[in-house]
Amino acid sequence: MIGIDISEDVPSAARERAVAVGVQDRCVFTTSTAERADVVVSIDAFEPFPTPGRPGHHEQPPAPEGEVLISFGPTWYHPLGGHLFSVFPWAHRLFSEKALIRWRSDFKRDGATRFSQVAGA
């Protein structure tokens, strides 16, 4: 099994958890791979890609006869589509990216100036 996430903290935490439950020899957790998988599962990871249909962290298509299973949460045009920025329904559609990032900077100090720079957004 290969677990992939675009930010290093998620694979790092997964590696620690795999060790804790004794499956580290059967799992690889990383930020990218060239492996062609039999099954690719994408959960809530469709919208953030700059080029949908070709996510940057898994450049290879599934193996021949492979499958891609995709699930994603509310899209941008849903009342809660701003994900981390949905402080109330439609907030992400009422306020600019700049305003929401400014609001976020009151309690997050990671230096993000755009939605795309926010971990987990």
Foldseek 3Di string as FASTA:
>chain_A
DEAADQDPVVLVVVCVVCVVVVNNVPYHYYHADADAAQEAEEEQPQPLAPDGPQRPRYNDYHDVNHYYHYYHDDDCPFQCNVPVQNPDGPSPVVDDQQVSVVVVVVPDPPPDRGPSVDPPD
